[in-house]
Amino acid sequence: MPTAVGMNHQCYEVDNAYETVRQIKERGGKLDKEITTGRSGCLQFWILVPDNNRIEMMQHLPDSLQAKALKAVQAKYNNLIHTDKFI
């Protein structure tokens, strides 16, 4: 049974992980964890914000699980968006 309640971290999607890291460092920011490829196939890195919360930044690569799931959802619902009929 968990002994703590609360948030572990937040995650934001970025278009380009390497460019985002460059901009963070250029502005004096520090990474908590450098860019790695996660288990899902995304590029990810971590920063710590002043209140010590961890922020995950993630770039969905074309073969990542997230990108594949998004394509599947878009394909499933594409017909509903482009139709005159409401289901």
PDB file of N, CA and C in Angstrom:
ATOM      1  N   MET A   1       0.835  -1.162   0.000  1.00  0.00           N
ATOM      2  CA  MET A   1       0.000   0.000   0.000  1.00  0.00           C
ATOM      3  C   MET A   1       0.898   1.250   0.000  1.00  0.00           C
ATOM      4  N   PRO A   2       0.564   2.239  -0.840  1.00  0.00           N
ATOM      5  CA  PRO A   2       1.391   3.458  -0.881  1.00  0.00           C
ATOM      6  C   PRO A   2       1.375   4.192   0.459  1.00  0.00           C
ATOM      7  N   THR A   3       2.510   4.785   0.781  1.00  0.00           N
ATOM      8  CA  THR A   3       2.603   5.549   2.022  1.00  0.00           C
ATOM      9  C   THR A   3       2.557   7.049   1.770  1.00  0.00           C
ATOM     10  N   ALA A   4       2.627   7.467   0.511  1.00  0.00           N
ATOM     11  CA  ALA A   4       2.598   8.896   0.189  1.00  0.00           C
ATOM     12  C   ALA A   4       1.529   9.165  -0.858  1.00  0.00           C
ATOM     13  N   VAL A   5       0.998  10.342  -0.809  1.00  0.00           N
ATOM     14  CA  VAL A   5       0.001  10.757  -1.780  1.00  0.00           C
ATOM     15  C   VAL A   5       0.483  12.053  -2.402  1.00  0.00           C
ATOM     16  N   GLY A   6       0.368  12.156  -3.720  1.00  0.00           N
ATOM     17  CA  GLY A   6       0.777  13.393  -4.384  1.00  0.00           C
ATOM     18  C   GLY A   6       1.291  13.120  -5.770  1.00  0.00           C
ATOM     19  N   MET A   7       1.837  14.139  -6.340  1.00  0.00           N
ATOM     20  CA  MET A   7       2.322  14.071  -7.708  1.00  0.00           C
ATOM     21  C   MET A   7       3.771  13.595  -7.725  1.00  0.00           C
ATOM     22  N   ASN A   8       4.083  12.720  -8.667  1.00  0.00           N
ATOM     23  CA  ASN A   8       5.459  12.278  -8.852  1.00  0.00           C
ATOM     24  C   ASN A   8       6.180  13.214  -9.801  1.00  0.00           C
ATOM     25  N   HIS A   9       5.553  13.508 -10.941  1.00  0.00           N
ATOM     26  CA  HIS A   9       6.147  14.424 -11.901  1.00  0.00           C
ATOM     27  C   HIS A   9       5.117  14.834 -12.939  1.00  0.00           C
ATOM     28  N   GLN A  10       5.463  15.837 -13.725  1.00  0.00           N
ATOM     29  CA  GLN A  10       4.660  16.253 -14.871  1.00  0.00           C
ATOM     30  C   GLN A  10       5.446  15.912 -16.120  1.00  0.00           C
ATOM     31  N   CYS A  11       4.740  15.759 -17.237  1.00  0.00           N
ATOM     32  CA  CYS A  11       5.399  15.471 -18.504  1.00  0.00           C
ATOM     33  C   CYS A  11       4.833  16.386 -19.578  1.00  0.00           C
ATOM     34  N   TYR A  12       5.722  16.962 -20.374  1.00  0.00           N
ATOM     35  CA  TYR A  12       5.330  17.808 -21.485  1.00  0.00           C
ATOM     36  C   TYR A  12       5.960  17.275 -22.764  1.00  0.00           C
ATOM     37  N   GLU A  13       5.208  17.351 -23.843  1.00  0.00           N
ATOM     38  CA  GLU A  13       5.722  16.937 -25.142  1.00  0.00           C
ATOM     39  C   GLU A  13       6.447  18.109 -25.793  1.00  0.00           C
ATOM     40  N   VAL A  14       7.607  17.832 -26.390  1.00  0.00           N
ATOM     41  CA  VAL A  14       8.361  18.840 -27.131  1.00  0.00           C
ATOM     42  C   VAL A  14       8.552  18.349 -28.561  1.00  0.00           C
ATOM     43  N   ASP A  15       8.703  19.285 -29.486  1.00  0.00           N
ATOM     44  CA  ASP A  15       8.902  18.927 -30.894  1.00  0.00           C
ATOM     45  C   ASP A  15      10.309  18.404 -31.155  1.00  0.00           C
ATOM     46  N   ASN A  16      11.300  18.954 -30.453  1.00  0.00           N
ATOM     47  CA  ASN A  16      12.691  18.591 -30.688  1.00  0.00           C
ATOM     48  C   ASN A  16      13.425  18.592 -29.349  1.00  0.00           C
ATOM     49  N   ALA A  17      13.717  17.420 -28.834  1.00  0.00           N
ATOM     50  CA  ALA A  17      14.348  17.302 -27.516  1.00  0.00           C
ATOM     51  C   ALA A  17      15.718  17.973 -27.495  1.00  0.00           C
ATOM     52  N   TYR A  18      16.517  17.790 -28.526  1.00  0.00           N
ATOM     53  CA  TYR A  18      17.867  18.347 -28.536  1.00  0.00           C
ATOM     54  C   TYR A  18      17.845  19.877 -28.573  1.00  0.00           C
ATOM     55  N   GLU A  19      16.951  20.454 -29.351  1.00  0.00           N
ATOM     56  CA  GLU A  19      16.836  21.903 -29.425  1.00  0.00           C
ATOM     57  C   GLU A  19      16.301  22.461 -28.103  1.00  0.00           C
ATOM     58  N   THR A  20      15.369  21.764 -27.495  1.00  0.00           N
ATOM     59  CA  THR A  20      14.828  22.211 -26.214  1.00  0.00           C
ATOM     60  C   THR A  20      15.911  22.204 -25.141  1.00  0.00           C
ATOM     61  N   VAL A  21      16.723  21.155 -25.104  1.00  0.00           N
ATOM     62  CA  VAL A  21      17.830  21.086 -24.143  1.00  0.00           C
ATOM     63  C   VAL A  21      18.810  22.231 -24.390  1.00  0.00           C
ATOM     64  N   ARG A  22      19.111  22.499 -25.640  1.00  0.00           N
ATOM     65  CA  ARG A  22      20.029  23.587 -25.965  1.00  0.00           C
ATOM     66  C   ARG A  22      19.498  24.913 -25.424  1.00  0.00           C
ATOM     67  N   GLN A  23      18.217  25.162 -25.640  1.00  0.00           N
ATOM     68  CA  GLN A  23      17.618  26.414 -25.174  1.00  0.00           C
ATOM     69  C   GLN A  23      17.588  26.505 -23.644  1.00  0.00           C
ATOM     70  N   ILE A  24      17.297  25.406 -22.982  1.00  0.00           N
ATOM     71  CA  ILE A  24      17.280  25.388 -21.515  1.00  0.00           C
ATOM     72  C   ILE A  24      18.668  25.730 -20.973  1.00  0.00           C
ATOM     73  N   LYS A  25      19.692  25.065 -21.505  1.00  0.00           N
ATOM     74  CA  LYS A  25      21.059  25.301 -21.042  1.00  0.00           C
ATOM     75  C   LYS A  25      21.524  26.712 -21.388  1.00  0.00           C
ATOM     76  N   GLU A  26      21.138  27.203 -22.557  1.00  0.00           N
ATOM     77  CA  GLU A  26      21.509  28.554 -22.981  1.00  0.00           C
ATOM     78  C   GLU A  26      20.970  29.603 -22.009  1.00  0.00           C
ATOM     79  N   ARG A  27      19.836  29.318 -21.401  1.00  0.00           N
ATOM     80  CA  ARG A  27      19.205  30.248 -20.459  1.00  0.00           C
ATOM     81  C   ARG A  27      19.606  29.974 -19.004  1.00  0.00           C
ATOM     82  N   GLY A  28      20.583  29.097 -18.816  1.00  0.00           N
ATOM     83  CA  GLY A  28      21.083  28.833 -17.472  1.00  0.00           C
ATOM     84  C   GLY A  28      20.387  27.704 -16.748  1.00  0.00           C
ATOM     85  N   GLY A  29      19.469  27.025 -17.409  1.00  0.00           N
ATOM     86  CA  GLY A  29      18.779  25.902 -16.793  1.00  0.00           C
ATOM     87  C   GLY A  29      19.661  24.671 -16.714  1.00  0.00           C
ATOM     88  N   LYS A  30      19.317  23.769 -15.821  1.00  0.00           N
ATOM     89  CA  LYS A  30      20.088  22.541 -15.635  1.00  0.00           C
ATOM     90  C   LYS A  30      19.178  21.336 -15.793  1.00  0.00           C
ATOM     91  N   LEU A  31      19.744  20.299 -16.348  1.00  0.00           N
ATOM     92  CA  LEU A  31      19.003  19.048 -16.502  1.00  0.00           C
ATOM     93  C   LEU A  31      19.191  18.186 -15.264  1.00  0.00           C
ATOM     94  N   ASP A  32      18.139  17.486 -14.897  1.00  0.00           N
ATOM     95  CA  ASP A  32      18.225  16.484 -13.839  1.00  0.00           C
ATOM     96  C   ASP A  32      18.691  15.161 -14.435  1.00  0.00           C
ATOM     97  N   LYS A  33      18.317  14.930 -15.701  1.00  0.00           N
ATOM     98  CA  LYS A  33      18.719  13.715 -16.415  1.00  0.00           C
ATOM     99  C   LYS A  33      18.836  14.064 -17.889  1.00  0.00           C
ATOM    100  N   GLU A  34      19.942  13.689 -18.497  1.00  0.00           N
ATOM    101  CA  GLU A  34      20.185  13.975 -19.915  1.00  0.00           C
ATOM    102  C   GLU A  34      19.229  13.187 -20.812  1.00  0.00           C
ATOM    103  N   ILE A  35      19.254  13.488 -22.099  1.00  0.00           N
ATOM    104  CA  ILE A  35      18.372  12.828 -23.074  1.00  0.00           C
ATOM    105  C   ILE A  35      18.697  11.344 -23.166  1.00  0.00           C
ATOM    106  N   THR A  36      17.654  10.535 -23.069  1.00  0.00           N
ATOM    107  CA  THR A  36      17.755   9.089 -23.267  1.00  0.00           C
ATOM    108  C   THR A  36      16.560   8.643 -24.114  1.00  0.00           C
ATOM    109  N   THR A  37      16.645   7.438 -24.618  1.00  0.00           N
ATOM    110  CA  THR A  37      15.499   6.835 -25.290  1.00  0.00           C
ATOM    111  C   THR A  37      14.772   5.977 -24.268  1.00  0.00           C
ATOM    112  N   GLY A  38      13.514   6.321 -24.022  1.00  0.00           N
ATOM    113  CA  GLY A  38      12.728   5.589 -23.038  1.00  0.00           C
ATOM    114  C   GLY A  38      12.268   4.237 -23.544  1.00  0.00           C
ATOM    115  N   ARG A  39      11.675   3.456 -22.676  1.00  0.00           N
ATOM    116  CA  ARG A  39      11.199   2.113 -23.038  1.00  0.00           C
ATOM    117  C   ARG A  39      10.141   2.160 -24.130  1.00  0.00           C
ATOM    118  N   SER A  40       9.413   3.276 -24.219  1.00  0.00           N
ATOM    119  CA  SER A  40       8.356   3.382 -25.233  1.00  0.00           C
ATOM    120  C   SER A  40       8.890   3.842 -26.587  1.00  0.00           C
ATOM    121  N   GLY A  41      10.184   4.182 -26.634  1.00  0.00           N
ATOM    122  CA  GLY A  41      10.778   4.615 -27.896  1.00  0.00           C
ATOM    123  C   GLY A  41      10.802   6.124 -28.083  1.00  0.00           C
ATOM    124  N   CYS A  42      10.441   6.876 -27.061  1.00  0.00           N
ATOM    125  CA  CYS A  42      10.473   8.341 -27.102  1.00  0.00           C
ATOM    126  C   CYS A  42      11.816   8.842 -26.575  1.00  0.00           C
ATOM    127  N   LEU A  43      12.207  10.025 -27.037  1.00  0.00           N
ATOM    128  CA  LEU A  43      13.331  10.705 -26.405  1.00  0.00           C
ATOM    129  C   LEU A  43      12.799  11.426 -25.184  1.00  0.00           C
ATOM    130  N   GLN A  44      13.529  11.365 -24.094  1.00  0.00           N
ATOM    131  CA  GLN A  44      13.067  12.022 -22.885  1.00  0.00           C
ATOM    132  C   GLN A  44      14.246  12.567 -22.098  1.00  0.00           C
ATOM    133  N   PHE A  45      13.987  13.650 -21.379  1.00  0.00           N
ATOM    134  CA  PHE A  45      14.954  14.187 -20.437  1.00  0.00           C
ATOM    135  C   PHE A  45      14.186  14.838 -19.300  1.00  0.00           C
ATOM    136  N   TRP A  46      14.891  15.157 -18.227  1.00  0.00           N
ATOM    137  CA  TRP A  46      14.243  15.641 -17.012  1.00  0.00           C
ATOM    138  C   TRP A  46      14.902  16.918 -16.534  1.00  0.00           C
ATOM    139  N   ILE A  47      14.072  17.817 -15.990  1.00  0.00           N
ATOM    140  CA  ILE A  47      14.574  19.018 -15.340  1.00  0.00           C
ATOM    141  C   ILE A  47      13.955  19.099 -13.949  1.00  0.00           C
ATOM    142  N   LEU A  48      14.604  19.857 -13.079  1.00  0.00           N
ATOM    143  CA  LEU A  48      14.043  20.159 -11.768  1.00  0.00           C
ATOM    144  C   LEU A  48      13.685  21.630 -11.752  1.00  0.00           C
ATOM    145  N   VAL A  49      12.487  21.943 -11.332  1.00  0.00           N
ATOM    146  CA  VAL A  49      12.074  23.337 -11.226  1.00  0.00           C
ATOM    147  C   VAL A  49      12.364  23.811  -9.796  1.00  0.00           C
ATOM    148  N   PRO A  50      12.334  25.127  -9.552  1.00  0.00           N
ATOM    149  CA  PRO A  50      12.751  25.649  -8.244  1.00  0.00           C
ATOM    150  C   PRO A  50      12.073  25.018  -7.025  1.00  0.00           C
ATOM    151  N   ASP A  51      10.835  24.557  -7.156  1.00  0.00           N
ATOM    152  CA  ASP A  51      10.187  23.941  -5.984  1.00  0.00           C
ATOM    153  C   ASP A  51      10.513  22.455  -5.859  1.00  0.00           C
ATOM    154  N   ASN A  52      11.524  22.014  -6.605  1.00  0.00           N
ATOM    155  CA  ASN A  52      12.044  20.641  -6.564  1.00  0.00           C
ATOM    156  C   ASN A  52      11.122  19.613  -7.199  1.00  0.00           C
ATOM    157  N   ASN A  53      10.143  20.040  -7.967  1.00  0.00           N
ATOM    158  CA  ASN A  53       9.330  19.097  -8.735  1.00  0.00           C
ATOM    159  C   ASN A  53      10.081  18.705  -9.997  1.00  0.00           C
ATOM    160  N   ARG A  54       9.944  17.448 -10.350  1.00  0.00           N
ATOM    161  CA  ARG A  54      10.582  16.947 -11.566  1.00  0.00           C
ATOM    162  C   ARG A  54       9.651  17.144 -12.752  1.00  0.00           C
ATOM    163  N   ILE A  55      10.221  17.588 -13.858  1.00  0.00           N
ATOM    164  CA  ILE A  55       9.464  17.772 -15.088  1.00  0.00           C
ATOM    165  C   ILE A  55      10.117  16.893 -16.155  1.00  0.00           C
ATOM    166  N   GLU A  56       9.312  16.039 -16.751  1.00  0.00           N
ATOM    167  CA  GLU A  56       9.784  15.192 -17.847  1.00  0.00           C
ATOM    168  C   GLU A  56       9.426  15.877 -19.156  1.00  0.00           C
ATOM    169  N   MET A  57      10.370  15.927 -20.067  1.00  0.00           N
ATOM    170  CA  MET A  57      10.138  16.441 -21.407  1.00  0.00           C
ATOM    171  C   MET A  57      10.301  15.263 -22.362  1.00  0.00           C
ATOM    172  N   MET A  58       9.357  15.132 -23.294  1.00  0.00           N
ATOM    173  CA  MET A  58       9.337  13.949 -24.150  1.00  0.00           C
ATOM    174  C   MET A  58       9.084  14.341 -25.602  1.00  0.00           C
ATOM    175  N   GLN A  59       9.870  13.741 -26.490  1.00  0.00           N
ATOM    176  CA  GLN A  59       9.659  13.887 -27.931  1.00  0.00           C
ATOM    177  C   GLN A  59       9.195  12.544 -28.467  1.00  0.00           C
ATOM    178  N   HIS A  60       8.004  12.534 -29.042  1.00  0.00           N
ATOM    179  CA  HIS A  60       7.484  11.295 -29.621  1.00  0.00           C
ATOM    180  C   HIS A  60       8.154  11.056 -30.969  1.00  0.00           C
ATOM    181  N   LEU A  61       8.889   9.976 -31.072  1.00  0.00           N
ATOM    182  CA  LEU A  61       9.497   9.595 -32.342  1.00  0.00           C
ATOM    183  C   LEU A  61       8.491   8.771 -33.147  1.00  0.00           C
ATOM    184  N   PRO A  62       8.633   8.725 -34.472  1.00  0.00           N
ATOM    185  CA  PRO A  62       7.632   8.051 -35.318  1.00  0.00           C
ATOM    186  C   PRO A  62       7.339   6.597 -34.927  1.00  0.00           C
ATOM    187  N   ASP A  63       8.333   5.875 -34.434  1.00  0.00           N
ATOM    188  CA  ASP A  63       8.128   4.471 -34.075  1.00  0.00           C
ATOM    189  C   ASP A  63       7.824   4.269 -32.587  1.00  0.00           C
ATOM    190  N   SER A  64       7.622   5.341 -31.846  1.00  0.00           N
ATOM    191  CA  SER A  64       7.344   5.205 -30.414  1.00  0.00           C
ATOM    192  C   SER A  64       5.927   4.666 -30.202  1.00  0.00           C
ATOM    193  N   LEU A  65       5.716   4.083 -29.054  1.00  0.00           N
ATOM    194  CA  LEU A  65       4.382   3.556 -28.730  1.00  0.00           C
ATOM    195  C   LEU A  65       3.332   4.663 -28.744  1.00  0.00           C
ATOM    196  N   GLN A  66       3.692   5.857 -28.266  1.00  0.00           N
ATOM    197  CA  GLN A  66       2.745   6.967 -28.230  1.00  0.00           C
ATOM    198  C   GLN A  66       2.352   7.398 -29.642  1.00  0.00           C
ATOM    199  N   ALA A  67       3.326   7.487 -30.548  1.00  0.00           N
ATOM    200  CA  ALA A  67       3.025   7.886 -31.927  1.00  0.00           C
ATOM    201  C   ALA A  67       2.151   6.837 -32.616  1.00  0.00           C
ATOM    202  N   LYS A  68       2.432   5.573 -32.375  1.00  0.00           N
ATOM    203  CA  LYS A  68       1.621   4.504 -32.962  1.00  0.00           C
ATOM    204  C   LYS A  68       0.188   4.547 -32.418  1.00  0.00           C
ATOM    205  N   ALA A  69       0.051   4.803 -31.125  1.00  0.00           N
ATOM    206  CA  ALA A  69      -1.292   4.882 -30.531  1.00  0.00           C
ATOM    207  C   ALA A  69      -2.053   6.070 -31.103  1.00  0.00           C
ATOM    208  N   LEU A  70      -1.389   7.198 -31.265  1.00  0.00           N
ATOM    209  CA  LEU A  70      -2.040   8.379 -31.822  1.00  0.00           C
ATOM    210  C   LEU A  70      -2.506   8.123 -33.253  1.00  0.00           C
ATOM    211  N   LYS A  71      -1.670   7.462 -34.051  1.00  0.00           N
ATOM    212  CA  LYS A  71      -2.063   7.127 -35.428  1.00  0.00           C
ATOM    213  C   LYS A  71      -3.281   6.216 -35.444  1.00  0.00           C
ATOM    214  N   ALA A  72      -3.318   5.254 -34.532  1.00  0.00           N
ATOM    215  CA  ALA A  72      -4.454   4.325 -34.474  1.00  0.00           C
ATOM    216  C   ALA A  72      -5.736   5.054 -34.102  1.00  0.00           C
ATOM    217  N   VAL A  73      -5.663   5.965 -33.147  1.00  0.00           N
ATOM    218  CA  VAL A  73      -6.844   6.730 -32.741  1.00  0.00           C
ATOM    219  C   VAL A  73      -7.301   7.631 -33.876  1.00  0.00           C
ATOM    220  N   GLN A  74      -6.357   8.290 -34.531  1.00  0.00           N
ATOM    221  CA  GLN A  74      -6.712   9.167 -35.652  1.00  0.00           C
ATOM    222  C   GLN A  74      -7.366   8.374 -36.774  1.00  0.00           C
ATOM    223  N   ALA A  75      -6.852   7.194 -37.072  1.00  0.00           N
ATOM    224  CA  ALA A  75      -7.431   6.364 -38.130  1.00  0.00           C
ATOM    225  C   ALA A  75      -8.840   5.905 -37.750  1.00  0.00           C
ATOM    226  N   LYS A  76      -9.032   5.551 -36.500  1.00  0.00           N
ATOM    227  CA  LYS A  76     -10.335   5.072 -36.049  1.00  0.00           C
ATOM    228  C   LYS A  76     -11.394   6.168 -36.126  1.00  0.00           C
ATOM    229  N   TYR A  77     -11.038   7.373 -35.737  1.00  0.00           N
ATOM    230  CA  TYR A  77     -12.021   8.445 -35.643  1.00  0.00           C
ATOM    231  C   TYR A  77     -12.017   9.390 -36.834  1.00  0.00           C
ATOM    232  N   ASN A  78     -11.132   9.195 -37.776  1.00  0.00           N
ATOM    233  CA  ASN A  78     -11.067  10.067 -38.941  1.00  0.00           C
ATOM    234  C   ASN A  78     -12.384  10.060 -39.716  1.00  0.00           C
ATOM    235  N   ASN A  79     -13.016   8.911 -39.847  1.00  0.00           N
ATOM    236  CA  ASN A  79     -14.280   8.821 -40.576  1.00  0.00           C
ATOM    237  C   ASN A  79     -15.398   9.582 -39.878  1.00  0.00           C
ATOM    238  N   LEU A  80     -15.364   9.653 -38.566  1.00  0.00           N
ATOM    239  CA  LEU A  80     -16.394  10.385 -37.827  1.00  0.00           C
ATOM    240  C   LEU A  80     -16.257  11.893 -38.026  1.00  0.00           C
ATOM    241  N   ILE A  81     -15.054  12.346 -38.180  1.00  0.00           N
ATOM    242  CA  ILE A  81     -14.801  13.775 -38.340  1.00  0.00           C
ATOM    243  C   ILE A  81     -15.219  14.253 -39.728  1.00  0.00           C
ATOM    244  N   HIS A  82     -15.044  13.418 -40.741  1.00  0.00           N
ATOM    245  CA  HIS A  82     -15.289  13.822 -42.119  1.00  0.00           C
ATOM    246  C   HIS A  82     -16.574  13.184 -42.677  1.00  0.00           C
ATOM    247  N   THR A  83     -17.621  13.249 -41.927  1.00  0.00           N
ATOM    248  CA  THR A  83     -18.878  12.673 -42.388  1.00  0.00           C
ATOM    249  C   THR A  83     -20.037  13.615 -42.070  1.00  0.00           C
ATOM    250  N   ASP A  84     -21.116  13.476 -42.810  1.00  0.00           N
ATOM    251  CA  ASP A  84     -22.305  14.272 -42.547  1.00  0.00           C
ATOM    252  C   ASP A  84     -23.185  13.633 -41.481  1.00  0.00           C
ATOM    253  N   LYS A  85     -22.894  12.394 -41.142  1.00  0.00           N
ATOM    254  CA  LYS A  85     -23.709  11.656 -40.191  1.00  0.00           C
ATOM    255  C   LYS A  85     -23.094  11.702 -38.806  1.00  0.00           C
ATOM    256  N   PHE A  86     -23.932  11.830 -37.825  1.00  0.00           N
ATOM    257  CA  PHE A  86     -23.483  11.772 -36.444  1.00  0.00           C
ATOM    258  C   PHE A  86     -23.874  10.422 -35.882  1.00  0.00           C
ATOM    259  N   ILE A  87     -22.996   9.818 -35.186  1.00  0.00           N
ATOM    260  CA  ILE A  87     -23.260   8.500 -34.614  1.00  0.00           C
ATOM    261  C   ILE A  87     -23.627   8.654 -33.155  1.00  0.00           C
TER     262      ILE A  87
END
